[in-house]
Amino acid sequence: MTFDDNIIIRYENNEVIGIFILNASKKRLK
């Protein structure tokens, strides 16, 4: 399972956590 898959699964399970993970990952890329 890739990191992106984990983000998608977490987002589907819990929008708040999913959005937090997406925002955190974007900051890491920048």
N, C-alpha and C. Protein backbone atom coordinates (compact mmCIF):
# COMPACT_ATOMS: atom_id res chain seq x y z
N MET A 1 0.85 -1.21 0.00
CA MET A 1 0.00 0.00 0.00
C MET A 1 0.88 1.25 0.00
N THR A 2 0.58 2.16 -0.89
CA THR A 2 1.40 3.36 -1.01
C THR A 2 0.92 4.44 -0.06
N PHE A 3 1.74 5.46 0.11
CA PHE A 3 1.38 6.59 0.99
C PHE A 3 0.10 7.27 0.49
N ASP A 4 -0.01 7.41 -0.84
CA ASP A 4 -1.21 8.04 -1.41
C ASP A 4 -2.46 7.23 -1.08
N ASP A 5 -2.35 5.89 -1.15
CA ASP A 5 -3.51 5.05 -0.83
C ASP A 5 -3.93 5.27 0.62
N ASN A 6 -2.95 5.40 1.51
CA ASN A 6 -3.27 5.64 2.92
C ASN A 6 -4.03 6.95 3.08
N ILE A 7 -3.64 7.98 2.35
CA ILE A 7 -4.32 9.27 2.45
C ILE A 7 -5.77 9.12 1.99
N ILE A 8 -5.97 8.43 0.88
CA ILE A 8 -7.33 8.27 0.34
C ILE A 8 -8.20 7.50 1.32
N ILE A 9 -7.68 6.40 1.87
CA ILE A 9 -8.46 5.59 2.81
C ILE A 9 -8.79 6.40 4.06
N ARG A 10 -7.82 7.11 4.60
CA ARG A 10 -8.07 7.91 5.80
C ARG A 10 -9.08 9.02 5.51
N TYR A 11 -9.00 9.60 4.33
CA TYR A 11 -9.93 10.66 3.97
C TYR A 11 -11.35 10.12 3.92
N GLU A 12 -11.51 8.91 3.37
CA GLU A 12 -12.84 8.32 3.26
C GLU A 12 -13.37 7.96 4.64
N ASN A 13 -12.48 7.55 5.55
CA ASN A 13 -12.90 7.15 6.89
C ASN A 13 -13.18 8.35 7.78
N ASN A 14 -12.41 9.41 7.61
CA ASN A 14 -12.57 10.57 8.49
C ASN A 14 -12.11 11.81 7.75
N GLU A 15 -13.06 12.64 7.32
CA GLU A 15 -12.71 13.81 6.51
C GLU A 15 -11.76 14.75 7.21
N VAL A 16 -11.95 14.96 8.51
CA VAL A 16 -11.10 15.91 9.23
C VAL A 16 -9.66 15.42 9.23
N ILE A 17 -9.46 14.14 9.55
CA ILE A 17 -8.10 13.59 9.57
C ILE A 17 -7.54 13.58 8.15
N GLY A 18 -8.38 13.24 7.18
CA GLY A 18 -7.94 13.18 5.79
C GLY A 18 -7.45 14.54 5.30
N ILE A 19 -8.21 15.57 5.59
CA ILE A 19 -7.82 16.93 5.18
C ILE A 19 -6.53 17.33 5.87
N PHE A 20 -6.40 16.98 7.15
CA PHE A 20 -5.19 17.31 7.90
C PHE A 20 -3.98 16.64 7.28
N ILE A 21 -4.12 15.37 6.90
CA ILE A 21 -3.01 14.64 6.29
C ILE A 21 -2.65 15.25 4.94
N LEU A 22 -3.67 15.59 4.15
CA LEU A 22 -3.41 16.19 2.83
C LEU A 22 -2.67 17.52 2.99
N ASN A 23 -3.08 18.34 3.93
CA ASN A 23 -2.43 19.64 4.15
C ASN A 23 -1.00 19.43 4.63
N ALA A 24 -0.79 18.46 5.52
CA ALA A 24 0.54 18.20 6.05
C ALA A 24 1.46 17.70 4.94
N SER A 25 0.94 16.83 4.07
CA SER A 25 1.77 16.29 2.99
C SER A 25 2.13 17.38 1.99
N LYS A 26 1.22 18.31 1.75
CA LYS A 26 1.50 19.41 0.83
C LYS A 26 2.61 20.30 1.38
N LYS A 27 2.60 20.54 2.68
CA LYS A 27 3.63 21.38 3.30
C LYS A 27 4.99 20.69 3.21
N ARG A 28 5.00 19.36 3.32
CA ARG A 28 6.26 18.62 3.24
C ARG A 28 6.84 18.71 1.84
N LEU A 29 5.96 18.69 0.82
CA LEU A 29 6.43 18.75 -0.56
C LEU A 29 7.02 20.13 -0.86
N LYS A 30 6.50 21.17 -0.20
CA LYS A 30 6.99 22.53 -0.44
C LYS A 30 8.19 22.81 0.42
